[in-house]
């Protein structure tokens, strides 16, 4: 009799424990499914914003390059033979200016000033 009562009590305890564990597991599964759903939605949003940001950066870089290249081409004069010669003689004069004495410097400076008024 005591053995039957102990066996029945053990079965009741196991059954009650199993029901409680099943409730906890089902609640845990529902919570996990909700979290997984939220993470999936967040991942989709992040990947969309990441792609959109990348596209915006690439397009703005392309537009900036086109504008910058166009402005440089439009604003700077073309390098013709006259300009190339002026640059060459200017570099030559700049490199040799310190080697000239005061008289030659004054003479060249007066020629440059009188030449710029013509």
PDB file of N, CA and C in Angstrom:
ATOM      1  N   UNK A   1       0.809  -1.180   0.000  1.00  0.00           N
ATOM      2  CA  UNK A   1       0.000   0.000   0.000  1.00  0.00           C
ATOM      3  C   UNK A   1       0.873   1.272   0.000  1.00  0.00           C
ATOM      4  N   UNK A   2       1.861   1.315   0.852  1.00  0.00           N
ATOM      5  CA  UNK A   2       2.749   2.466   0.914  1.00  0.00           C
ATOM      6  C   UNK A   2       3.511   2.609  -0.402  1.00  0.00           C
ATOM      7  N   UNK A   3       3.836   1.458  -0.955  1.00  0.00           N
ATOM      8  CA  UNK A   3       4.558   1.488  -2.227  1.00  0.00           C
ATOM      9  C   UNK A   3       3.655   2.030  -3.324  1.00  0.00           C
ATOM     10  N   UNK A   4       2.395   1.676  -3.353  1.00  0.00           N
ATOM     11  CA  UNK A   4       1.447   2.162  -4.355  1.00  0.00           C
ATOM     12  C   UNK A   4       1.236   3.662  -4.195  1.00  0.00           C
ATOM     13  N   UNK A   5       1.155   4.131  -2.932  1.00  0.00           N
ATOM     14  CA  UNK A   5       0.981   5.567  -2.682  1.00  0.00           C
ATOM     15  C   UNK A   5       2.231   6.323  -3.142  1.00  0.00           C
ATOM     16  N   UNK A   6       3.396   5.773  -2.854  1.00  0.00           N
ATOM     17  CA  UNK A   6       4.648   6.414  -3.264  1.00  0.00           C
ATOM     18  C   UNK A   6       4.753   6.453  -4.778  1.00  0.00           C
ATOM     19  N   UNK A   7       4.350   5.362  -5.426  1.00  0.00           N
ATOM     20  CA  UNK A   7       4.396   5.316  -6.884  1.00  0.00           C
ATOM     21  C   UNK A   7       3.415   6.323  -7.471  1.00  0.00           C
ATOM     22  N   UNK A   8       2.221   6.408  -6.901  1.00  0.00           N
ATOM     23  CA  UNK A   8       1.222   7.355  -7.391  1.00  0.00           C
ATOM     24  C   UNK A   8       1.679   8.795  -7.156  1.00  0.00           C
ATOM     25  N   UNK A   9       2.278   9.050  -6.014  1.00  0.00           N
ATOM     26  CA  UNK A   9       2.788  10.393  -5.712  1.00  0.00           C
ATOM     27  C   UNK A   9       3.925  10.745  -6.676  1.00  0.00           C
ATOM     28  N   UNK A  10       4.775   9.785  -6.967  1.00  0.00           N
ATOM     29  CA  UNK A  10       5.875  10.015  -7.914  1.00  0.00           C
ATOM     30  C   UNK A  10       5.353  10.329  -9.298  1.00  0.00           C
ATOM     31  N   UNK A  11       4.340   9.576  -9.738  1.00  0.00           N
ATOM     32  CA  UNK A  11       3.753   9.839 -11.058  1.00  0.00           C
ATOM     33  C   UNK A  11       3.101  11.223 -11.101  1.00  0.00           C
ATOM     34  N   UNK A  12       2.408  11.575 -10.013  1.00  0.00           N
ATOM     35  CA  UNK A  12       1.771  12.893  -9.957  1.00  0.00           C
ATOM     36  C   UNK A  12       2.831  13.993 -10.015  1.00  0.00           C
ATOM     37  N   UNK A  13       3.914  13.804  -9.256  1.00  0.00           N
ATOM     38  CA  UNK A  13       5.000  14.782  -9.243  1.00  0.00           C
ATOM     39  C   UNK A  13       5.631  14.914 -10.631  1.00  0.00           C
ATOM     40  N   UNK A  14       5.880  13.796 -11.296  1.00  0.00           N
ATOM     41  CA  UNK A  14       6.466  13.807 -12.642  1.00  0.00           C
ATOM     42  C   UNK A  14       5.518  14.478 -13.621  1.00  0.00           C
ATOM     43  N   UNK A  15       4.225  14.153 -13.527  1.00  0.00           N
ATOM     44  CA  UNK A  15       3.243  14.738 -14.443  1.00  0.00           C
ATOM     45  C   UNK A  15       3.131  16.250 -14.222  1.00  0.00           C
ATOM     46  N   UNK A  16       3.086  16.679 -12.966  1.00  0.00           N
ATOM     47  CA  UNK A  16       2.999  18.112 -12.666  1.00  0.00           C
ATOM     48  C   UNK A  16       4.258  18.827 -13.137  1.00  0.00           C
ATOM     49  N   UNK A  17       5.400  18.206 -12.920  1.00  0.00           N
ATOM     50  CA  UNK A  17       6.668  18.801 -13.369  1.00  0.00           C
ATOM     51  C   UNK A  17       6.711  18.899 -14.886  1.00  0.00           C
ATOM     52  N   UNK A  18       6.266  17.856 -15.570  1.00  0.00           N
ATOM     53  CA  UNK A  18       6.263  17.867 -17.037  1.00  0.00           C
ATOM     54  C   UNK A  18       5.349  18.958 -17.580  1.00  0.00           C
ATOM     55  N   UNK A  19       4.170  19.114 -16.981  1.00  0.00           N
ATOM     56  CA  UNK A  19       3.250  20.161 -17.436  1.00  0.00           C
ATOM     57  C   UNK A  19       3.870  21.543 -17.249  1.00  0.00           C
ATOM     58  N   UNK A  20       4.517  21.741 -16.101  1.00  0.00           N
ATOM     59  CA  UNK A  20       5.153  23.029 -15.842  1.00  0.00           C
ATOM     60  C   UNK A  20       6.303  23.263 -16.822  1.00  0.00           C
ATOM     61  N   UNK A  21       7.097  22.240 -17.066  1.00  0.00           N
ATOM     62  CA  UNK A  21       8.210  22.355 -18.021  1.00  0.00           C
ATOM     63  C   UNK A  21       7.671  22.624 -19.418  1.00  0.00           C
ATOM     64  N   UNK A  22       6.589  21.953 -19.811  1.00  0.00           N
ATOM     65  CA  UNK A  22       6.012  22.174 -21.143  1.00  0.00           C
ATOM     66  C   UNK A  22       5.494  23.606 -21.285  1.00  0.00           C
ATOM     67  N   UNK A  23       4.871  24.150 -20.220  1.00  0.00           N
ATOM     68  CA  UNK A  23       4.408  25.543 -20.273  1.00  0.00           C
ATOM     69  C   UNK A  23       5.589  26.497 -20.432  1.00  0.00           C
ATOM     70  N   UNK A  24       6.635  26.243 -19.665  1.00  0.00           N
ATOM     71  CA  UNK A  24       7.824  27.108 -19.739  1.00  0.00           C
ATOM     72  C   UNK A  24       8.474  26.998 -21.115  1.00  0.00           C
ATOM     73  N   UNK A  25       8.575  25.780 -21.645  1.00  0.00           N
ATOM     74  CA  UNK A  25       9.194  25.576 -22.962  1.00  0.00           C
ATOM     75  C   UNK A  25       8.363  26.239 -24.051  1.00  0.00           C
ATOM     76  N   UNK A  26       7.029  26.098 -23.987  1.00  0.00           N
ATOM     77  CA  UNK A  26       6.194  26.724 -25.021  1.00  0.00           C
ATOM     78  C   UNK A  26       6.275  28.246 -24.931  1.00  0.00           C
ATOM     79  N   UNK A  27       6.335  28.787 -23.704  1.00  0.00           N
ATOM     80  CA  UNK A  27       6.493  30.235 -23.533  1.00  0.00           C
ATOM     81  C   UNK A  27       7.850  30.687 -24.075  1.00  0.00           C
ATOM     82  N   UNK A  28       8.880  29.901 -23.798  1.00  0.00           N
ATOM     83  CA  UNK A  28      10.222  30.205 -24.291  1.00  0.00           C
ATOM     84  C   UNK A  28      10.273  30.146 -25.815  1.00  0.00           C
ATOM     85  N   UNK A  29       9.601  29.162 -26.408  1.00  0.00           N
ATOM     86  CA  UNK A  29       9.565  29.059 -27.869  1.00  0.00           C
ATOM     87  C   UNK A  29       8.841  30.258 -28.478  1.00  0.00           C
ATOM     88  N   UNK A  30       7.742  30.685 -27.864  1.00  0.00           N
ATOM     89  CA  UNK A  30       7.005  31.848 -28.378  1.00  0.00           C
ATOM     90  C   UNK A  30       7.860  33.106 -28.276  1.00  0.00           C
ATOM     91  N   UNK A  31       8.545  33.276 -27.145  1.00  0.00           N
ATOM     92  CA  UNK A  31       9.423  34.438 -26.972  1.00  0.00           C
ATOM     93  C   UNK A  31      10.568  34.399 -27.973  1.00  0.00           C
ATOM     94  N   UNK A  32      11.140  33.233 -28.182  1.00  0.00           N
ATOM     95  CA  UNK A  32      12.231  33.087 -29.149  1.00  0.00           C
ATOM     96  C   UNK A  32      11.754  33.398 -30.565  1.00  0.00           C
ATOM     97  N   UNK A  33      10.559  32.951 -30.907  1.00  0.00           N
ATOM     98  CA  UNK A  33      10.013  33.239 -32.240  1.00  0.00           C
ATOM     99  C   UNK A  33       9.791  34.737 -32.414  1.00  0.00           C
ATOM    100  N   UNK A  34       9.294  35.406 -31.368  1.00  0.00           N
ATOM    101  CA  UNK A  34       9.094  36.858 -31.436  1.00  0.00           C
ATOM    102  C   UNK A  34      10.428  37.582 -31.602  1.00  0.00           C
ATOM    103  N   UNK A  35      11.418  37.179 -30.835  1.00  0.00           N
ATOM    104  CA  UNK A  35      12.747  37.800 -30.936  1.00  0.00           C
ATOM    105  C   UNK A  35      13.343  37.563 -32.316  1.00  0.00           C
ATOM    106  N   UNK A  36      13.204  36.352 -32.829  1.00  0.00           N
ATOM    107  CA  UNK A  36      13.732  36.035 -34.163  1.00  0.00           C
ATOM    108  C   UNK A  36      13.051  36.890 -35.232  1.00  0.00           C
ATOM    109  N   UNK A  37      11.740  37.062 -35.102  1.00  0.00           N
ATOM    110  CA  UNK A  37      10.997  37.889 -36.056  1.00  0.00           C
ATOM    111  C   UNK A  37      11.487  39.340 -36.000  1.00  0.00           C
ATOM    112  N   UNK A  38      11.658  39.868 -34.774  1.00  0.00           N
ATOM    113  CA  UNK A  38      12.145  41.246 -34.624  1.00  0.00           C
ATOM    114  C   UNK A  38      13.555  41.407 -35.174  1.00  0.00           C
ATOM    115  N   UNK A  39      14.414  40.436 -34.919  1.00  0.00           N
ATOM    116  CA  UNK A  39      15.779  40.504 -35.448  1.00  0.00           C
ATOM    117  C   UNK A  39      15.793  40.456 -36.972  1.00  0.00           C
ATOM    118  N   UNK A  40      14.928  39.656 -37.552  1.00  0.00           N
ATOM    119  CA  UNK A  40      14.840  39.574 -39.010  1.00  0.00           C
ATOM    120  C   UNK A  40      14.404  40.914 -39.596  1.00  0.00           C
ATOM    121  N   UNK A  41      13.401  41.544 -38.970  1.00  0.00           N
ATOM    122  CA  UNK A  41      12.948  42.850 -39.455  1.00  0.00           C
ATOM    123  C   UNK A  41      14.053  43.898 -39.330  1.00  0.00           C
ATOM    124  N   UNK A  42      14.756  43.889 -38.193  1.00  0.00           N
ATOM    125  CA  UNK A  42      15.852  44.846 -38.003  1.00  0.00           C
ATOM    126  C   UNK A  42      16.967  44.610 -39.016  1.00  0.00           C
ATOM    127  N   UNK A  43      17.279  43.360 -39.288  1.00  0.00           N
ATOM    128  CA  UNK A  43      18.316  43.040 -40.266  1.00  0.00           C
ATOM    129  C   UNK A  43      17.927  43.526 -41.656  1.00  0.00           C
ATOM    130  N   UNK A  44      16.656  43.373 -42.018  1.00  0.00           N
ATOM    131  CA  UNK A  44      16.194  43.865 -43.318  1.00  0.00           C
ATOM    132  C   UNK A  44      16.321  45.381 -43.393  1.00  0.00           C
ATOM    133  N   UNK A  45      15.944  46.076 -42.313  1.00  0.00           N
ATOM    134  CA  UNK A  45      16.059  47.541 -42.298  1.00  0.00           C
ATOM    135  C   UNK A  45      17.513  47.971 -42.393  1.00  0.00           C
ATOM    136  N   UNK A  46      18.377  47.299 -41.630  1.00  0.00           N
ATOM    137  CA  UNK A  46      19.794  47.659 -41.641  1.00  0.00           C
ATOM    138  C   UNK A  46      20.397  47.407 -43.018  1.00  0.00           C
ATOM    139  N   UNK A  47      20.085  46.290 -43.631  1.00  0.00           N
ATOM    140  CA  UNK A  47      20.659  46.006 -44.948  1.00  0.00           C
ATOM    141  C   UNK A  47      20.120  46.983 -45.988  1.00  0.00           C
ATOM    142  N   UNK A  48      18.846  47.409 -45.854  1.00  0.00           N
ATOM    143  CA  UNK A  48      18.303  48.399 -46.784  1.00  0.00           C
ATOM    144  C   UNK A  48      19.029  49.721 -46.614  1.00  0.00           C
ATOM    145  N   UNK A  49      19.189  50.174 -45.352  1.00  0.00           N
ATOM    146  CA  UNK A  49      19.874  51.443 -45.117  1.00  0.00           C
ATOM    147  C   UNK A  49      21.335  51.357 -45.520  1.00  0.00           C
ATOM    148  N   UNK A  50      21.938  50.204 -45.333  1.00  0.00           N
ATOM    149  CA  UNK A  50      23.327  50.031 -45.728  1.00  0.00           C
ATOM    150  C   UNK A  50      23.463  50.139 -47.247  1.00  0.00           C
ATOM    151  N   UNK A  51      22.565  49.482 -47.975  1.00  0.00           N
ATOM    152  CA  UNK A  51      22.599  49.572 -49.438  1.00  0.00           C
ATOM    153  C   UNK A  51      22.291  50.991 -49.896  1.00  0.00           C
ATOM    154  N   UNK A  52      21.286  51.605 -49.276  1.00  0.00           N
ATOM    155  CA  UNK A  52      20.914  52.965 -49.669  1.00  0.00           C
ATOM    156  C   UNK A  52      22.062  53.929 -49.394  1.00  0.00           C
ATOM    157  N   UNK A  53      22.719  53.778 -48.257  1.00  0.00           N
ATOM    158  CA  UNK A  53      23.851  54.646 -47.929  1.00  0.00           C
ATOM    159  C   UNK A  53      24.981  54.447 -48.924  1.00  0.00           C
ATOM    160  N   UNK A  54      25.274  53.220 -49.267  1.00  0.00           N
ATOM    161  CA  UNK A  54      26.331  52.938 -50.233  1.00  0.00           C
ATOM    162  C   UNK A  54      26.004  53.545 -51.594  1.00  0.00           C
ATOM    163  N   UNK A  55      24.762  53.428 -52.020  1.00  0.00           N
ATOM    164  CA  UNK A  55      24.353  53.996 -53.309  1.00  0.00           C
ATOM    165  C   UNK A  55      24.473  55.512 -53.280  1.00  0.00           C
ATOM    166  N   UNK A  56      24.030  56.142 -52.187  1.00  0.00           N
ATOM    167  CA  UNK A  56      24.116  57.607 -52.075  1.00  0.00           C
ATOM    168  C   UNK A  56      25.569  58.058 -52.109  1.00  0.00           C
ATOM    169  N   UNK A  57      26.441  57.353 -51.400  1.00  0.00           N
ATOM    170  CA  UNK A  57      27.859  57.730 -51.387  1.00  0.00           C
ATOM    171  C   UNK A  57      28.469  57.590 -52.780  1.00  0.00           C
ATOM    172  N   UNK A  58      28.189  56.500 -53.461  1.00  0.00           N
ATOM    173  CA  UNK A  58      28.752  56.303 -54.801  1.00  0.00           C
ATOM    174  C   UNK A  58      28.234  57.331 -55.796  1.00  0.00           C
ATOM    175  N   UNK A  59      26.930  57.614 -55.746  1.00  0.00           N
ATOM    176  CA  UNK A  59      26.355  58.592 -56.675  1.00  0.00           C
ATOM    177  C   UNK A  59      26.903  59.985 -56.389  1.00  0.00           C
ATOM    178  N   UNK A  60      27.003  60.355 -55.102  1.00  0.00           N
ATOM    179  CA  UNK A  60      27.522  61.686 -54.786  1.00  0.00           C
ATOM    180  C   UNK A  60      28.993  61.812 -55.183  1.00  0.00           C
ATOM    181  N   UNK A  61      29.759  60.737 -55.041  1.00  0.00           N
ATOM    182  CA  UNK A  61      31.153  60.769 -55.478  1.00  0.00           C
ATOM    183  C   UNK A  61      31.244  60.935 -56.991  1.00  0.00           C
ATOM    184  N   UNK A  62      30.410  60.223 -57.710  1.00  0.00           N
ATOM    185  CA  UNK A  62      30.401  60.336 -59.166  1.00  0.00           C
ATOM    186  C   UNK A  62      30.005  61.739 -59.609  1.00  0.00           C
ATOM    187  N   UNK A  63      28.948  62.275 -59.015  1.00  0.00           N
ATOM    188  CA  UNK A  63      28.493  63.626 -59.372  1.00  0.00           C
ATOM    189  C   UNK A  63      29.558  64.655 -59.007  1.00  0.00           C
ATOM    190  N   UNK A  64      30.168  64.505 -57.829  1.00  0.00           N
ATOM    191  CA  UNK A  64      31.234  65.425 -57.426  1.00  0.00           C
ATOM    192  C   UNK A  64      32.418  65.372 -58.377  1.00  0.00           C
ATOM    193  N   UNK A  65      32.783  64.178 -58.801  1.00  0.00           N
ATOM    194  CA  UNK A  65      33.887  64.044 -59.756  1.00  0.00           C
ATOM    195  C   UNK A  65      33.568  64.680 -61.094  1.00  0.00           C
ATOM    196  N   UNK A  66      32.338  64.479 -61.556  1.00  0.00           N
ATOM    197  CA  UNK A  66      31.944  65.095 -62.827  1.00  0.00           C
ATOM    198  C   UNK A  66      31.925  66.615 -62.725  1.00  0.00           C
ATOM    199  N   UNK A  67      31.357  67.130 -61.630  1.00  0.00           N
ATOM    200  CA  UNK A  67      31.326  68.586 -61.454  1.00  0.00           C
ATOM    201  C   UNK A  67      32.735  69.155 -61.319  1.00  0.00           C
ATOM    202  N   UNK A  68      33.556  68.506 -60.493  1.00  0.00           N
ATOM    203  CA  UNK A  68      34.925  68.986 -60.303  1.00  0.00           C
ATOM    204  C   UNK A  68      35.723  68.941 -61.594  1.00  0.00           C
ATOM    205  N   UNK A  69      35.624  67.842 -62.312  1.00  0.00           N
ATOM    206  CA  UNK A  69      36.339  67.737 -63.586  1.00  0.00           C
ATOM    207  C   UNK A  69      35.853  68.749 -64.604  1.00  0.00           C
ATOM    208  N   UNK A  70      34.542  68.950 -64.650  1.00  0.00           N
ATOM    209  CA  UNK A  70      33.992  69.945 -65.575  1.00  0.00           C
ATOM    210  C   UNK A  70      34.420  71.352 -65.226  1.00  0.00           C
ATOM    211  N   UNK A  71      34.412  71.677 -63.933  1.00  0.00           N
ATOM    212  CA  UNK A  71      34.825  73.020 -63.522  1.00  0.00           C
ATOM    213  C   UNK A  71      36.304  73.253 -63.775  1.00  0.00           C
ATOM    214  N   UNK A  72      37.129  72.252 -63.503  1.00  0.00           N
ATOM    215  CA  UNK A  72      38.560  72.407 -63.771  1.00  0.00           C
ATOM    216  C   UNK A  72      38.782  72.617 -65.265  1.00  0.00           C
ATOM    217  N   UNK A  73      38.103  71.848 -66.076  1.00  0.00           N
ATOM    218  CA  UNK A  73      38.257  71.992 -67.523  1.00  0.00           C
ATOM    219  C   UNK A  73      37.745  73.351 -67.994  1.00  0.00           C
ATOM    220  N   UNK A  74      36.671  73.827 -67.396  1.00  0.00           N
ATOM    221  CA  UNK A  74      36.070  75.091 -67.821  1.00  0.00           C
ATOM    222  C   UNK A  74      36.844  76.295 -67.287  1.00  0.00           C
ATOM    223  N   UNK A  75      37.319  76.237 -66.049  1.00  0.00           N
ATOM    224  CA  UNK A  75      37.927  77.410 -65.419  1.00  0.00           C
ATOM    225  C   UNK A  75      39.399  77.606 -65.761  1.00  0.00           C
ATOM    226  N   UNK A  76      40.134  76.538 -66.010  1.00  0.00           N
ATOM    227  CA  UNK A  76      41.549  76.685 -66.299  1.00  0.00           C
ATOM    228  C   UNK A  76      41.762  76.843 -67.803  1.00  0.00           C
ATOM    229  N   UNK A  77      42.623  77.787 -68.181  1.00  0.00           N
ATOM    230  CA  UNK A  77      42.868  77.976 -69.618  1.00  0.00           C
ATOM    231  C   UNK A  77      43.669  76.800 -70.179  1.00  0.00           C
ATOM    232  N   UNK A  78      43.532  76.567 -71.462  1.00  0.00           N
ATOM    233  CA  UNK A  78      44.308  75.474 -72.061  1.00  0.00           C
ATOM    234  C   UNK A  78      45.791  75.836 -72.098  1.00  0.00           C
ATOM    235  N   UNK A  79      46.631  74.843 -72.057  1.00  0.00           N
ATOM    236  CA  UNK A  79      48.071  75.059 -72.091  1.00  0.00           C
ATOM    237  C   UNK A  79      48.516  75.068 -73.550  1.00  0.00           C
ATOM    238  N   UNK A  80      48.703  76.267 -74.068  1.00  0.00           N
ATOM    239  CA  UNK A  80      49.171  76.385 -75.449  1.00  0.00           C
ATOM    240  C   UNK A  80      50.679  76.644 -75.441  1.00  0.00           C
ATOM    241  N   UNK A  81      51.252  76.861 -76.629  1.00  0.00           N
ATOM    242  CA  UNK A  81      52.703  77.054 -76.737  1.00  0.00           C
ATOM    243  C   UNK A  81      53.162  78.312 -76.020  1.00  0.00           C
ATOM    244  N   UNK A  82      52.371  79.377 -76.111  1.00  0.00           N
ATOM    245  CA  UNK A  82      52.760  80.642 -75.472  1.00  0.00           C
ATOM    246  C   UNK A  82      52.809  80.481 -73.952  1.00  0.00           C
ATOM    247  N   UNK A  83      51.793  79.841 -73.390  1.00  0.00           N
ATOM    248  CA  UNK A  83      51.759  79.648 -71.939  1.00  0.00           C
ATOM    249  C   UNK A  83      52.889  78.729 -71.491  1.00  0.00           C
ATOM    250  N   UNK A  84      53.163  77.677 -72.256  1.00  0.00           N
ATOM    251  CA  UNK A  84      54.258  76.765 -71.916  1.00  0.00           C
ATOM    252  C   UNK A  84      55.595  77.494 -71.936  1.00  0.00           C
ATOM    253  N   UNK A  85      55.794  78.379 -72.920  1.00  0.00           N
ATOM    254  CA  UNK A  85      57.033  79.155 -73.001  1.00  0.00           C
ATOM    255  C   UNK A  85      57.151  80.102 -71.816  1.00  0.00           C
ATOM    256  N   UNK A  86      56.048  80.764 -71.450  1.00  0.00           N
ATOM    257  CA  UNK A  86      56.069  81.672 -70.299  1.00  0.00           C
ATOM    258  C   UNK A  86      56.406  80.921 -69.011  1.00  0.00           C
ATOM    259  N   UNK A  87      55.850  79.751 -68.845  1.00  0.00           N
ATOM    260  CA  UNK A  87      56.145  78.954 -67.649  1.00  0.00           C
ATOM    261  C   UNK A  87      57.612  78.549 -67.632  1.00  0.00           C
ATOM    262  N   UNK A  88      58.130  78.128 -68.793  1.00  0.00           N
ATOM    263  CA  UNK A  88      59.526  77.697 -68.868  1.00  0.00           C
ATOM    264  C   UNK A  88      60.471  78.851 -68.527  1.00  0.00           C
ATOM    265  N   UNK A  89      60.242  80.033 -69.119  1.00  0.00           N
ATOM    266  CA  UNK A  89      61.114  81.178 -68.839  1.00  0.00           C
ATOM    267  C   UNK A  89      60.930  81.686 -67.411  1.00  0.00           C
ATOM    268  N   UNK A  90      59.731  81.589 -66.886  1.00  0.00           N
ATOM    269  CA  UNK A  90      59.508  81.991 -65.495  1.00  0.00           C
ATOM    270  C   UNK A  90      60.268  81.101 -64.526  1.00  0.00           C
ATOM    271  N   UNK A  91      60.263  79.793 -64.782  1.00  0.00           N
ATOM    272  CA  UNK A  91      61.023  78.874 -63.930  1.00  0.00           C
ATOM    273  C   UNK A  91      62.523  79.132 -64.057  1.00  0.00           C
ATOM    274  N   UNK A  92      62.982  79.409 -65.276  1.00  0.00           N
ATOM    275  CA  UNK A  92      64.399  79.698 -65.494  1.00  0.00           C
ATOM    276  C   UNK A  92      64.800  80.972 -64.751  1.00  0.00           C
ATOM    277  N   UNK A  93      63.971  82.009 -64.857  1.00  0.00           N
ATOM    278  CA  UNK A  93      64.257  83.272 -64.182  1.00  0.00           C
ATOM    279  C   UNK A  93      64.235  83.092 -62.663  1.00  0.00           C
ATOM    280  N   UNK A  94      63.292  82.337 -62.162  1.00  0.00           N
ATOM    281  CA  UNK A  94      63.187  82.104 -60.723  1.00  0.00           C
ATOM    282  C   UNK A  94      64.405  81.348 -60.196  1.00  0.00           C
ATOM    283  N   UNK A  95      64.880  80.363 -60.941  1.00  0.00           N
ATOM    284  CA  UNK A  95      66.030  79.586 -60.471  1.00  0.00           C
ATOM    285  C   UNK A  95      67.329  80.391 -60.528  1.00  0.00           C
ATOM    286  N   UNK A  96      67.432  81.366 -61.426  1.00  0.00           N
ATOM    287  CA  UNK A  96      68.671  82.140 -61.571  1.00  0.00           C
ATOM    288  C   UNK A  96      68.606  83.522 -60.930  1.00  0.00           C
ATOM    289  N   UNK A  97      67.491  83.897 -60.359  1.00  0.00           N
ATOM    290  CA  UNK A  97      67.329  85.239 -59.790  1.00  0.00           C
ATOM    291  C   UNK A  97      68.341  85.506 -58.679  1.00  0.00           C
ATOM    292  N   UNK A  98      68.614  84.520 -57.831  1.00  0.00           N
ATOM    293  CA  UNK A  98      69.545  84.719 -56.711  1.00  0.00           C
ATOM    294  C   UNK A  98      70.990  84.860 -57.197  1.00  0.00           C
ATOM    295  N   UNK A  99      71.291  84.418 -58.407  1.00  0.00           N
ATOM    296  CA  UNK A  99      72.652  84.494 -58.937  1.00  0.00           C
ATOM    297  C   UNK A  99      72.942  85.855 -59.573  1.00  0.00           C
ATOM    298  N   UNK A 100      71.905  86.636 -59.832  1.00  0.00           N
ATOM    299  CA  UNK A 100      72.096  87.947 -60.458  1.00  0.00           C
ATOM    300  C   UNK A 100      72.524  88.978 -59.422  1.00  0.00           C
ATOM    301  N   UNK A 101      73.304  89.968 -59.888  1.00  0.00           N
ATOM    302  CA  UNK A 101      73.655  91.054 -58.963  1.00  0.00           C
ATOM    303  C   UNK A 101      72.535  92.096 -58.948  1.00  0.00           C
ATOM    304  N   UNK A 102      72.632  93.063 -58.064  1.00  0.00           N
ATOM    305  CA  UNK A 102      71.564  94.036 -57.836  1.00  0.00           C
ATOM    306  C   UNK A 102      71.263  94.839 -59.100  1.00  0.00           C
ATOM    307  N   UNK A 103      72.282  95.209 -59.843  1.00  0.00           N
ATOM    308  CA  UNK A 103      72.095  96.008 -61.058  1.00  0.00           C
ATOM    309  C   UNK A 103      71.250  95.247 -62.088  1.00  0.00           C
ATOM    310  N   UNK A 104      71.591  93.964 -62.293  1.00  0.00           N
ATOM    311  CA  UNK A 104      70.836  93.152 -63.257  1.00  0.00           C
ATOM    312  C   UNK A 104      69.405  92.899 -62.782  1.00  0.00           C
ATOM    313  N   UNK A 105      69.238  92.706 -61.484  1.00  0.00           N
ATOM    314  CA  UNK A 105      67.888  92.507 -60.940  1.00  0.00           C
ATOM    315  C   UNK A 105      67.022  93.741 -61.169  1.00  0.00           C
ATOM    316  N   UNK A 106      67.602  94.923 -60.883  1.00  0.00           N
ATOM    317  CA  UNK A 106      66.843  96.163 -61.081  1.00  0.00           C
ATOM    318  C   UNK A 106      66.502  96.364 -62.553  1.00  0.00           C
ATOM    319  N   UNK A 107      67.443  96.049 -63.420  1.00  0.00           N
ATOM    320  CA  UNK A 107      67.201  96.195 -64.858  1.00  0.00           C
ATOM    321  C   UNK A 107      66.072  95.263 -65.316  1.00  0.00           C
ATOM    322  N   UNK A 108      66.116  93.985 -64.879  1.00  0.00           N
ATOM    323  CA  UNK A 108      65.058  93.036 -65.244  1.00  0.00           C
ATOM    324  C   UNK A 108      63.714  93.449 -64.645  1.00  0.00           C
ATOM    325  N   UNK A 109      63.736  93.932 -63.411  1.00  0.00           N
ATOM    326  CA  UNK A 109      62.487  94.358 -62.769  1.00  0.00           C
ATOM    327  C   UNK A 109      61.880  95.535 -63.518  1.00  0.00           C
ATOM    328  N   UNK A 110      62.719  96.478 -63.963  1.00  0.00           N
ATOM    329  CA  UNK A 110      62.183  97.624 -64.708  1.00  0.00           C
ATOM    330  C   UNK A 110      61.653  97.186 -66.071  1.00  0.00           C
ATOM    331  N   UNK A 111      62.306  96.197 -66.695  1.00  0.00           N
ATOM    332  CA  UNK A 111      61.808  95.684 -67.972  1.00  0.00           C
ATOM    333  C   UNK A 111      60.468  94.973 -67.788  1.00  0.00           C
ATOM    334  N   UNK A 112      60.339  94.237 -66.688  1.00  0.00           N
ATOM    335  CA  UNK A 112      59.081  93.529 -66.436  1.00  0.00           C
ATOM    336  C   UNK A 112      57.951  94.510 -66.155  1.00  0.00           C
ATOM    337  N   UNK A 113      58.243  95.563 -65.407  1.00  0.00           N
ATOM    338  CA  UNK A 113      57.206  96.555 -65.093  1.00  0.00           C
ATOM    339  C   UNK A 113      56.813  97.307 -66.350  1.00  0.00           C
ATOM    340  N   UNK A 114      57.798  97.721 -67.155  1.00  0.00           N
ATOM    341  CA  UNK A 114      57.472  98.459 -68.380  1.00  0.00           C
ATOM    342  C   UNK A 114      56.804  97.544 -69.403  1.00  0.00           C
ATOM    343  N   UNK A 115      57.145  96.270 -69.408  1.00  0.00           N
ATOM    344  CA  UNK A 115      56.536  95.321 -70.335  1.00  0.00           C
ATOM    345  C   UNK A 115      55.099  94.993 -69.977  1.00  0.00           C
ATOM    346  N   UNK A 116      54.752  95.092 -68.717  1.00  0.00           N
ATOM    347  CA  UNK A 116      53.382  94.763 -68.312  1.00  0.00           C
ATOM    348  C   UNK A 116      52.418  95.903 -68.605  1.00  0.00           C
ATOM    349  N   UNK A 117      52.923  97.128 -68.831  1.00  0.00           N
ATOM    350  CA  UNK A 117      52.050  98.266 -69.144  1.00  0.00           C
ATOM    351  C   UNK A 117      51.719  98.351 -70.626  1.00  0.00           C
ATOM    352  N   UNK A 118      52.384  97.600 -71.442  1.00  0.00           N
ATOM    353  CA  UNK A 118      52.145  97.679 -72.887  1.00  0.00           C
ATOM    354  C   UNK A 118      50.977  96.866 -73.319  1.00  0.00           C
TER     355      UNK A 118
END
